Amino acid sequence: MATLTQPFERIDLRTSPEIKELIVRAATTAGVSLSAFLIACAQDRAKQILAESESLTFSTRDWAAFFTALDNADKPRPKLEAAALDYLAWRAQRTTAN
């Protein structure tokens, strides 16, 4: 039975000797390879950045305004209803004319 291996992508980095030494020391201290250390750190930071950019944080006042808007979403909108009826009448007239 053949086993499937996950394909890997390569990332090449350039850095100063000082930064490399710092990262190597940290990876060694953590007991992981340099690659594993860099991947884990980059992944953690990427998740943090995306979580911050893809989530909303509301103040108490903002939450109240948000819920008020939701509560008022189903209220009648006479102008919108009239426009929809006009459109349906126009469409029906156009369909019967063809």
PDB file of N, CA and C in Angstrom:
ATOM      1  N   MET A   1       0.837  -1.168   0.000  1.00  0.00           N
ATOM      2  CA  MET A   1       0.000   0.000   0.000  1.00  0.00           C
ATOM      3  C   MET A   1       0.892   1.243   0.000  1.00  0.00           C
ATOM      4  N   ALA A   2       0.645   2.132  -0.929  1.00  0.00           N
ATOM      5  CA  ALA A   2       1.459   3.341  -1.061  1.00  0.00           C
ATOM      6  C   ALA A   2       1.014   4.373  -0.027  1.00  0.00           C
ATOM      7  N   THR A   3       1.978   5.068   0.519  1.00  0.00           N
ATOM      8  CA  THR A   3       1.652   6.130   1.459  1.00  0.00           C
ATOM      9  C   THR A   3       1.765   7.466   0.742  1.00  0.00           C
ATOM     10  N   LEU A   4       0.852   8.350   1.051  1.00  0.00           N
ATOM     11  CA  LEU A   4       0.874   9.673   0.440  1.00  0.00           C
ATOM     12  C   LEU A   4       1.708  10.605   1.298  1.00  0.00           C
ATOM     13  N   THR A   5       2.576  11.332   0.657  1.00  0.00           N
ATOM     14  CA  THR A   5       3.371  12.313   1.391  1.00  0.00           C
ATOM     15  C   THR A   5       2.873  13.699   1.033  1.00  0.00           C
ATOM     16  N   GLN A   6       2.846  14.539   2.018  1.00  0.00           N
ATOM     17  CA  GLN A   6       2.376  15.901   1.819  1.00  0.00           C
ATOM     18  C   GLN A   6       3.472  16.710   1.117  1.00  0.00           C
ATOM     19  N   PRO A   7       3.121  17.431   0.057  1.00  0.00           N
ATOM     20  CA  PRO A   7       4.133  18.246  -0.605  1.00  0.00           C
ATOM     21  C   PRO A   7       4.503  19.438   0.270  1.00  0.00           C
ATOM     22  N   PHE A   8       5.727  19.848   0.178  1.00  0.00           N
ATOM     23  CA  PHE A   8       6.205  20.981   0.956  1.00  0.00           C
ATOM     24  C   PHE A   8       6.667  22.082   0.022  1.00  0.00           C
ATOM     25  N   GLU A   9       6.512  23.304   0.459  1.00  0.00           N
ATOM     26  CA  GLU A   9       6.991  24.473  -0.268  1.00  0.00           C
ATOM     27  C   GLU A   9       8.275  24.950   0.392  1.00  0.00           C
ATOM     28  N   ARG A  10       9.094  25.608  -0.378  1.00  0.00           N
ATOM     29  CA  ARG A  10      10.363  26.115   0.137  1.00  0.00           C
ATOM     30  C   ARG A  10      10.277  27.632   0.279  1.00  0.00           C
ATOM     31  N   ILE A  11      10.825  28.153   1.363  1.00  0.00           N
ATOM     32  CA  ILE A  11      10.937  29.597   1.585  1.00  0.00           C
ATOM     33  C   ILE A  11      12.411  29.903   1.828  1.00  0.00           C
ATOM     34  N   ASP A  12      12.972  30.757   1.018  1.00  0.00           N
ATOM     35  CA  ASP A  12      14.366  31.160   1.197  1.00  0.00           C
ATOM     36  C   ASP A  12      14.402  32.515   1.888  1.00  0.00           C
ATOM     37  N   LEU A  13      15.273  32.644   2.873  1.00  0.00           N
ATOM     38  CA  LEU A  13      15.393  33.887   3.631  1.00  0.00           C
ATOM     39  C   LEU A  13      16.839  34.363   3.639  1.00  0.00           C
ATOM     40  N   ARG A  14      16.990  35.652   3.678  1.00  0.00           N
ATOM     41  CA  ARG A  14      18.313  36.246   3.860  1.00  0.00           C
ATOM     42  C   ARG A  14      18.245  37.129   5.090  1.00  0.00           C
ATOM     43  N   THR A  15      19.291  37.072   5.890  1.00  0.00           N
ATOM     44  CA  THR A  15      19.327  37.884   7.102  1.00  0.00           C
ATOM     45  C   THR A  15      20.778  38.169   7.463  1.00  0.00           C
ATOM     46  N   SER A  16      20.949  39.032   8.417  1.00  0.00           N
ATOM     47  CA  SER A  16      22.309  39.344   8.878  1.00  0.00           C
ATOM     48  C   SER A  16      22.812  38.206   9.764  1.00  0.00           C
ATOM     49  N   PRO A  17      24.124  38.084   9.905  1.00  0.00           N
ATOM     50  CA  PRO A  17      24.678  37.041  10.786  1.00  0.00           C
ATOM     51  C   PRO A  17      24.188  37.181  12.226  1.00  0.00           C
ATOM     52  N   GLU A  18      23.999  38.406  12.683  1.00  0.00           N
ATOM     53  CA  GLU A  18      23.556  38.629  14.066  1.00  0.00           C
ATOM     54  C   GLU A  18      22.140  38.096  14.284  1.00  0.00           C
ATOM     55  N   ILE A  19      21.268  38.389  13.347  1.00  0.00           N
ATOM     56  CA  ILE A  19      19.886  37.912  13.492  1.00  0.00           C
ATOM     57  C   ILE A  19      19.842  36.394  13.383  1.00  0.00           C
ATOM     58  N   LYS A  20      20.616  35.829  12.468  1.00  0.00           N
ATOM     59  CA  LYS A  20      20.645  34.377  12.335  1.00  0.00           C
ATOM     60  C   LYS A  20      21.134  33.737  13.630  1.00  0.00           C
ATOM     61  N   GLU A  21      22.204  34.292  14.206  1.00  0.00           N
ATOM     62  CA  GLU A  21      22.729  33.738  15.456  1.00  0.00           C
ATOM     63  C   GLU A  21      21.681  33.797  16.566  1.00  0.00           C
ATOM     64  N   LEU A  22      20.962  34.899  16.646  1.00  0.00           N
ATOM     65  CA  LEU A  22      19.912  35.058  17.658  1.00  0.00           C
ATOM     66  C   LEU A  22      18.823  33.997  17.480  1.00  0.00           C
ATOM     67  N   ILE A  23      18.383  33.791  16.231  1.00  0.00           N
ATOM     68  CA  ILE A  23      17.329  32.820  15.959  1.00  0.00           C
ATOM     69  C   ILE A  23      17.811  31.399  16.218  1.00  0.00           C
ATOM     70  N   VAL A  24      19.051  31.098  15.825  1.00  0.00           N
ATOM     71  CA  VAL A  24      19.613  29.762  16.065  1.00  0.00           C
ATOM     72  C   VAL A  24      19.698  29.493  17.560  1.00  0.00           C
ATOM     73  N   ARG A  25      20.139  30.484  18.332  1.00  0.00           N
ATOM     74  CA  ARG A  25      20.222  30.311  19.796  1.00  0.00           C
ATOM     75  C   ARG A  25      18.843  30.047  20.392  1.00  0.00           C
ATOM     76  N   ALA A  26      17.842  30.793  19.920  1.00  0.00           N
ATOM     77  CA  ALA A  26      16.481  30.605  20.444  1.00  0.00           C
ATOM     78  C   ALA A  26      15.949  29.223  20.074  1.00  0.00           C
ATOM     79  N   ALA A  27      16.190  28.783  18.834  1.00  0.00           N
ATOM     80  CA  ALA A  27      15.728  27.464  18.408  1.00  0.00           C
ATOM     81  C   ALA A  27      16.402  26.369  19.227  1.00  0.00           C
ATOM     82  N   THR A  28      17.700  26.524  19.444  1.00  0.00           N
ATOM     83  CA  THR A  28      18.445  25.543  20.238  1.00  0.00           C
ATOM     84  C   THR A  28      17.920  25.500  21.667  1.00  0.00           C
ATOM     85  N   THR A  29      17.685  26.660  22.240  1.00  0.00           N
ATOM     86  CA  THR A  29      17.147  26.734  23.593  1.00  0.00           C
ATOM     87  C   THR A  29      15.780  26.068  23.679  1.00  0.00           C
ATOM     88  N   ALA A  30      14.968  26.237  22.624  1.00  0.00           N
ATOM     89  CA  ALA A  30      13.637  25.622  22.594  1.00  0.00           C
ATOM     90  C   ALA A  30      13.698  24.134  22.275  1.00  0.00           C
ATOM     91  N   GLY A  31      14.861  23.669  21.817  1.00  0.00           N
ATOM     92  CA  GLY A  31      15.028  22.249  21.530  1.00  0.00           C
ATOM     93  C   GLY A  31      14.413  21.814  20.214  1.00  0.00           C
ATOM     94  N   VAL A  32      14.332  22.738  19.261  1.00  0.00           N
ATOM     95  CA  VAL A  32      13.776  22.416  17.949  1.00  0.00           C
ATOM     96  C   VAL A  32      14.751  22.853  16.866  1.00  0.00           C
ATOM     97  N   SER A  33      14.515  22.340  15.671  1.00  0.00           N
ATOM     98  CA  SER A  33      15.374  22.737  14.554  1.00  0.00           C
ATOM     99  C   SER A  33      15.104  24.190  14.184  1.00  0.00           C
ATOM    100  N   LEU A  34      16.054  24.764  13.460  1.00  0.00           N
ATOM    101  CA  LEU A  34      15.896  26.139  13.008  1.00  0.00           C
ATOM    102  C   LEU A  34      14.642  26.273  12.139  1.00  0.00           C
ATOM    103  N   SER A  35      14.427  25.333  11.230  1.00  0.00           N
ATOM    104  CA  SER A  35      13.248  25.370  10.360  1.00  0.00           C
ATOM    105  C   SER A  35      11.962  25.281  11.175  1.00  0.00           C
ATOM    106  N   ALA A  36      11.914  24.351  12.106  1.00  0.00           N
ATOM    107  CA  ALA A  36      10.712  24.193  12.931  1.00  0.00           C
ATOM    108  C   ALA A  36      10.442  25.452  13.745  1.00  0.00           C
ATOM    109  N   PHE A  37      11.491  26.050  14.272  1.00  0.00           N
ATOM    110  CA  PHE A  37      11.348  27.280  15.058  1.00  0.00           C
ATOM    111  C   PHE A  37      10.799  28.413  14.202  1.00  0.00           C
ATOM    112  N   LEU A  38      11.387  28.613  13.023  1.00  0.00           N
ATOM    113  CA  LEU A  38      10.948  29.694  12.150  1.00  0.00           C
ATOM    114  C   LEU A  38       9.500  29.487  11.685  1.00  0.00           C
ATOM    115  N   ILE A  39       9.173  28.264  11.331  1.00  0.00           N
ATOM    116  CA  ILE A  39       7.810  27.973  10.882  1.00  0.00           C
ATOM    117  C   ILE A  39       6.806  28.208  12.003  1.00  0.00           C
ATOM    118  N   ALA A  40       7.110  27.731  13.201  1.00  0.00           N
ATOM    119  CA  ALA A  40       6.192  27.897  14.331  1.00  0.00           C
ATOM    120  C   ALA A  40       5.991  29.377  14.655  1.00  0.00           C
ATOM    121  N   CYS A  41       7.073  30.133  14.686  1.00  0.00           N
ATOM    122  CA  CYS A  41       6.965  31.570  14.994  1.00  0.00           C
ATOM    123  C   CYS A  41       6.186  32.307  13.906  1.00  0.00           C
ATOM    124  N   ALA A  42       6.500  32.023  12.656  1.00  0.00           N
ATOM    125  CA  ALA A  42       5.808  32.688  11.549  1.00  0.00           C
ATOM    126  C   ALA A  42       4.330  32.314  11.535  1.00  0.00           C
ATOM    127  N   GLN A  43       4.026  31.056  11.791  1.00  0.00           N
ATOM    128  CA  GLN A  43       2.636  30.606  11.798  1.00  0.00           C
ATOM    129  C   GLN A  43       1.858  31.267  12.932  1.00  0.00           C
ATOM    130  N   ASP A  44       2.442  31.315  14.118  1.00  0.00           N
ATOM    131  CA  ASP A  44       1.772  31.961  15.250  1.00  0.00           C
ATOM    132  C   ASP A  44       1.494  33.431  14.953  1.00  0.00           C
ATOM    133  N   ARG A  45       2.479  34.121  14.412  1.00  0.00           N
ATOM    134  CA  ARG A  45       2.322  35.552  14.112  1.00  0.00           C
ATOM    135  C   ARG A  45       1.303  35.760  12.999  1.00  0.00           C
ATOM    136  N   ALA A  46       1.326  34.910  11.987  1.00  0.00           N
ATOM    137  CA  ALA A  46       0.365  35.019  10.888  1.00  0.00           C
ATOM    138  C   ALA A  46      -1.059  34.844  11.404  1.00  0.00           C
ATOM    139  N   LYS A  47      -1.280  33.858  12.271  1.00  0.00           N
ATOM    140  CA  LYS A  47      -2.612  33.637  12.849  1.00  0.00           C
ATOM    141  C   LYS A  47      -3.056  34.843  13.664  1.00  0.00           C
ATOM    142  N   GLN A  48      -2.134  35.424  14.423  1.00  0.00           N
ATOM    143  CA  GLN A  48      -2.449  36.584  15.249  1.00  0.00           C
ATOM    144  C   GLN A  48      -2.844  37.781  14.372  1.00  0.00           C
ATOM    145  N   ILE A  49      -2.072  38.047  13.335  1.00  0.00           N
ATOM    146  CA  ILE A  49      -2.363  39.174  12.445  1.00  0.00           C
ATOM    147  C   ILE A  49      -3.703  38.986  11.763  1.00  0.00           C
ATOM    148  N   LEU A  50      -3.973  37.779  11.263  1.00  0.00           N
ATOM    149  CA  LEU A  50      -5.230  37.528  10.575  1.00  0.00           C
ATOM    150  C   LEU A  50      -6.414  37.589  11.530  1.00  0.00           C
ATOM    151  N   ALA A  51      -6.246  37.090  12.752  1.00  0.00           N
ATOM    152  CA  ALA A  51      -7.330  37.161  13.738  1.00  0.00           C
ATOM    153  C   ALA A  51      -7.670  38.615  14.052  1.00  0.00           C
ATOM    154  N   GLU A  52      -6.657  39.458  14.157  1.00  0.00           N
ATOM    155  CA  GLU A  52      -6.888  40.872  14.446  1.00  0.00           C
ATOM    156  C   GLU A  52      -7.563  41.578  13.276  1.00  0.00           C
ATOM    157  N   SER A  53      -7.199  41.206  12.058  1.00  0.00           N
ATOM    158  CA  SER A  53      -7.754  41.908  10.902  1.00  0.00           C
ATOM    159  C   SER A  53      -9.108  41.351  10.475  1.00  0.00           C
ATOM    160  N   GLU A  54      -9.448  40.139  10.884  1.00  0.00           N
ATOM    161  CA  GLU A  54     -10.689  39.513  10.445  1.00  0.00           C
ATOM    162  C   GLU A  54     -11.754  39.452  11.534  1.00  0.00           C
ATOM    163  N   SER A  55     -11.528  40.135  12.635  1.00  0.00           N
ATOM    164  CA  SER A  55     -12.525  40.127  13.697  1.00  0.00           C
ATOM    165  C   SER A  55     -12.899  41.563  14.058  1.00  0.00           C
ATOM    166  N   LEU A  56     -14.067  41.706  14.629  1.00  0.00           N
ATOM    167  CA  LEU A  56     -14.558  43.012  15.043  1.00  0.00           C
ATOM    168  C   LEU A  56     -14.545  43.098  16.557  1.00  0.00           C
ATOM    169  N   THR A  57     -14.144  44.235  17.054  1.00  0.00           N
ATOM    170  CA  THR A  57     -14.190  44.480  18.487  1.00  0.00           C
ATOM    171  C   THR A  57     -15.063  45.705  18.710  1.00  0.00           C
ATOM    172  N   PHE A  58     -16.177  45.488  19.385  1.00  0.00           N
ATOM    173  CA  PHE A  58     -17.123  46.564  19.613  1.00  0.00           C
ATOM    174  C   PHE A  58     -17.068  47.026  21.063  1.00  0.00           C
ATOM    175  N   SER A  59     -17.243  48.324  21.241  1.00  0.00           N
ATOM    176  CA  SER A  59     -17.447  48.857  22.585  1.00  0.00           C
ATOM    177  C   SER A  59     -18.892  48.562  22.977  1.00  0.00           C
ATOM    178  N   THR A  60     -19.244  48.823  24.213  1.00  0.00           N
ATOM    179  CA  THR A  60     -20.616  48.615  24.674  1.00  0.00           C
ATOM    180  C   THR A  60     -21.584  49.452  23.848  1.00  0.00           C
ATOM    181  N   ARG A  61     -21.198  50.686  23.558  1.00  0.00           N
ATOM    182  CA  ARG A  61     -22.040  51.573  22.750  1.00  0.00           C
ATOM    183  C   ARG A  61     -22.187  51.034  21.334  1.00  0.00           C
ATOM    184  N   ASP A  62     -21.078  50.517  20.753  1.00  0.00           N
ATOM    185  CA  ASP A  62     -21.129  49.954  19.401  1.00  0.00           C
ATOM    186  C   ASP A  62     -22.033  48.726  19.343  1.00  0.00           C
ATOM    187  N   TRP A  63     -21.941  47.867  20.368  1.00  0.00           N
ATOM    188  CA  TRP A  63     -22.807  46.687  20.415  1.00  0.00           C
ATOM    189  C   TRP A  63     -24.266  47.102  20.451  1.00  0.00           C
ATOM    190  N   ALA A  64     -24.572  48.114  21.247  1.00  0.00           N
ATOM    191  CA  ALA A  64     -25.959  48.583  21.351  1.00  0.00           C
ATOM    192  C   ALA A  64     -26.448  49.092  19.996  1.00  0.00           C
ATOM    193  N   ALA A  65     -25.625  49.858  19.300  1.00  0.00           N
ATOM    194  CA  ALA A  65     -26.004  50.373  17.978  1.00  0.00           C
ATOM    195  C   ALA A  65     -26.166  49.229  16.983  1.00  0.00           C
ATOM    196  N   PHE A  66     -25.297  48.239  17.056  1.00  0.00           N
ATOM    197  CA  PHE A  66     -25.368  47.084  16.159  1.00  0.00           C
ATOM    198  C   PHE A  66     -26.669  46.315  16.366  1.00  0.00           C
ATOM    199  N   PHE A  67     -27.013  46.041  17.626  1.00  0.00           N
ATOM    200  CA  PHE A  67     -28.241  45.306  17.909  1.00  0.00           C
ATOM    201  C   PHE A  67     -29.479  46.131  17.578  1.00  0.00           C
ATOM    202  N   THR A  68     -29.424  47.425  17.764  1.00  0.00           N
ATOM    203  CA  THR A  68     -30.544  48.289  17.378  1.00  0.00           C
ATOM    204  C   THR A  68     -30.762  48.221  15.878  1.00  0.00           C
ATOM    205  N   ALA A  69     -29.677  48.250  15.110  1.00  0.00           N
ATOM    206  CA  ALA A  69     -29.788  48.147  13.648  1.00  0.00           C
ATOM    207  C   ALA A  69     -30.390  46.803  13.251  1.00  0.00           C
ATOM    208  N   LEU A  70     -29.977  45.734  13.916  1.00  0.00           N
ATOM    209  CA  LEU A  70     -30.548  44.414  13.625  1.00  0.00           C
ATOM    210  C   LEU A  70     -32.033  44.370  13.968  1.00  0.00           C
ATOM    211  N   ASP A  71     -32.388  44.957  15.102  1.00  0.00           N
ATOM    212  CA  ASP A  71     -33.797  44.961  15.515  1.00  0.00           C
ATOM    213  C   ASP A  71     -34.666  45.745  14.534  1.00  0.00           C
ATOM    214  N   ASN A  72     -34.117  46.759  13.903  1.00  0.00           N
ATOM    215  CA  ASN A  72     -34.886  47.602  12.990  1.00  0.00           C
ATOM    216  C   ASN A  72     -34.820  47.125  11.534  1.00  0.00           C
ATOM    217  N   ALA A  73     -34.126  46.050  11.279  1.00  0.00           N
ATOM    218  CA  ALA A  73     -33.942  45.580   9.903  1.00  0.00           C
ATOM    219  C   ALA A  73     -35.241  45.108   9.269  1.00  0.00           C
ATOM    220  N   ASP A  74     -36.184  44.597  10.065  1.00  0.00           N
ATOM    221  CA  ASP A  74     -37.423  44.045   9.517  1.00  0.00           C
ATOM    222  C   ASP A  74     -38.566  45.051   9.462  1.00  0.00           C
ATOM    223  N   LYS A  75     -38.321  46.290   9.798  1.00  0.00           N
ATOM    224  CA  LYS A  75     -39.392  47.283   9.783  1.00  0.00           C
ATOM    225  C   LYS A  75     -39.765  47.608   8.339  1.00  0.00           C
ATOM    226  N   PRO A  76     -41.032  47.941   8.118  1.00  0.00           N
ATOM    227  CA  PRO A  76     -41.486  48.246   6.747  1.00  0.00           C
ATOM    228  C   PRO A  76     -40.711  49.415   6.147  1.00  0.00           C
ATOM    229  N   ARG A  77     -40.467  49.296   4.863  1.00  0.00           N
ATOM    230  CA  ARG A  77     -39.797  50.349   4.107  1.00  0.00           C
ATOM    231  C   ARG A  77     -40.716  50.688   2.922  1.00  0.00           C
ATOM    232  N   PRO A  78     -41.637  51.650   3.109  1.00  0.00           N
ATOM    233  CA  PRO A  78     -42.650  51.928   2.077  1.00  0.00           C
ATOM    234  C   PRO A  78     -42.042  52.276   0.712  1.00  0.00           C
ATOM    235  N   LYS A  79     -40.988  53.080   0.677  1.00  0.00           N
ATOM    236  CA  LYS A  79     -40.397  53.458  -0.611  1.00  0.00           C
ATOM    237  C   LYS A  79     -39.761  52.254  -1.301  1.00  0.00           C
ATOM    238  N   LEU A  80     -39.123  51.395  -0.516  1.00  0.00           N
ATOM    239  CA  LEU A  80     -38.523  50.200  -1.087  1.00  0.00           C
ATOM    240  C   LEU A  80     -39.604  49.263  -1.608  1.00  0.00           C
ATOM    241  N   GLU A  81     -40.684  49.124  -0.844  1.00  0.00           N
ATOM    242  CA  GLU A  81     -41.789  48.262  -1.282  1.00  0.00           C
ATOM    243  C   GLU A  81     -42.426  48.799  -2.563  1.00  0.00           C
ATOM    244  N   ALA A  82     -42.612  50.123  -2.641  1.00  0.00           N
ATOM    245  CA  ALA A  82     -43.191  50.728  -3.840  1.00  0.00           C
ATOM    246  C   ALA A  82     -42.281  50.512  -5.047  1.00  0.00           C
ATOM    247  N   ALA A  83     -40.980  50.657  -4.840  1.00  0.00           N
ATOM    248  CA  ALA A  83     -40.027  50.440  -5.937  1.00  0.00           C
ATOM    249  C   ALA A  83     -40.070  48.990  -6.411  1.00  0.00           C
ATOM    250  N   ALA A  84     -40.176  48.058  -5.484  1.00  0.00           N
ATOM    251  CA  ALA A  84     -40.242  46.642  -5.843  1.00  0.00           C
ATOM    252  C   ALA A  84     -41.515  46.342  -6.619  1.00  0.00           C
ATOM    253  N   LEU A  85     -42.645  46.912  -6.198  1.00  0.00           N
ATOM    254  CA  LEU A  85     -43.908  46.708  -6.906  1.00  0.00           C
ATOM    255  C   LEU A  85     -43.860  47.323  -8.306  1.00  0.00           C
ATOM    256  N   ASP A  86     -43.259  48.508  -8.411  1.00  0.00           N
ATOM    257  CA  ASP A  86     -43.097  49.140  -9.731  1.00  0.00           C
ATOM    258  C   ASP A  86     -42.257  48.253 -10.644  1.00  0.00           C
ATOM    259  N   TYR A  87     -41.206  47.701 -10.109  1.00  0.00           N
ATOM    260  CA  TYR A  87     -40.346  46.830 -10.907  1.00  0.00           C
ATOM    261  C   TYR A  87     -41.106  45.584 -11.359  1.00  0.00           C
ATOM    262  N   LEU A  88     -41.856  44.966 -10.455  1.00  0.00           N
ATOM    263  CA  LEU A  88     -42.615  43.773 -10.821  1.00  0.00           C
ATOM    264  C   LEU A  88     -43.650  44.087 -11.891  1.00  0.00           C
ATOM    265  N   ALA A  89     -44.306  45.241 -11.786  1.00  0.00           N
ATOM    266  CA  ALA A  89     -45.295  45.644 -12.791  1.00  0.00           C
ATOM    267  C   ALA A  89     -44.599  45.886 -14.131  1.00  0.00           C
ATOM    268  N   TRP A  90     -43.466  46.562 -14.100  1.00  0.00           N
ATOM    269  CA  TRP A  90     -42.703  46.821 -15.328  1.00  0.00           C
ATOM    270  C   TRP A  90     -42.269  45.513 -15.978  1.00  0.00           C
ATOM    271  N   ARG A  91     -41.780  44.589 -15.168  1.00  0.00           N
ATOM    272  CA  ARG A  91     -41.314  43.305 -15.691  1.00  0.00           C
ATOM    273  C   ARG A  91     -42.471  42.504 -16.288  1.00  0.00           C
ATOM    274  N   ALA A  92     -43.634  42.519 -15.610  1.00  0.00           N
ATOM    275  CA  ALA A  92     -44.805  41.793 -16.111  1.00  0.00           C
ATOM    276  C   ALA A  92     -45.267  42.410 -17.420  1.00  0.00           C
ATOM    277  N   GLN A  93     -45.260  43.721 -17.513  1.00  0.00           N
ATOM    278  CA  GLN A  93     -45.671  44.401 -18.725  1.00  0.00           C
ATOM    279  C   GLN A  93     -44.714  44.077 -19.867  1.00  0.00           C
ATOM    280  N   ARG A  94     -43.443  44.053 -19.573  1.00  0.00           N
ATOM    281  CA  ARG A  94     -42.433  43.753 -20.579  1.00  0.00           C
ATOM    282  C   ARG A  94     -42.547  42.312 -21.080  1.00  0.00           C
ATOM    283  N   THR A  95     -42.857  41.391 -20.146  1.00  0.00           N
ATOM    284  CA  THR A  95     -42.987  39.974 -20.504  1.00  0.00           C
ATOM    285  C   THR A  95     -44.197  39.751 -21.396  1.00  0.00           C
ATOM    286  N   THR A  96     -45.333  40.415 -21.096  1.00  0.00           N
ATOM    287  CA  THR A  96     -46.535  40.222 -21.898  1.00  0.00           C
ATOM    288  C   THR A  96     -46.418  40.907 -23.251  1.00  0.00           C
ATOM    289  N   ALA A  97     -45.569  41.932 -23.356  1.00  0.00           N
ATOM    290  CA  ALA A  97     -45.387  42.640 -24.625  1.00  0.00           C
ATOM    291  C   ALA A  97     -44.569  41.798 -25.602  1.00  0.00           C
ATOM    292  N   ASN A  98     -43.756  40.921 -25.128  1.00  0.00           N
ATOM    293  CA  ASN A  98     -42.902  40.100 -25.998  1.00  0.00           C
ATOM    294  C   ASN A  98     -43.619  38.913 -26.433  1.00  0.00           C
TER     295      ASN A  98
END
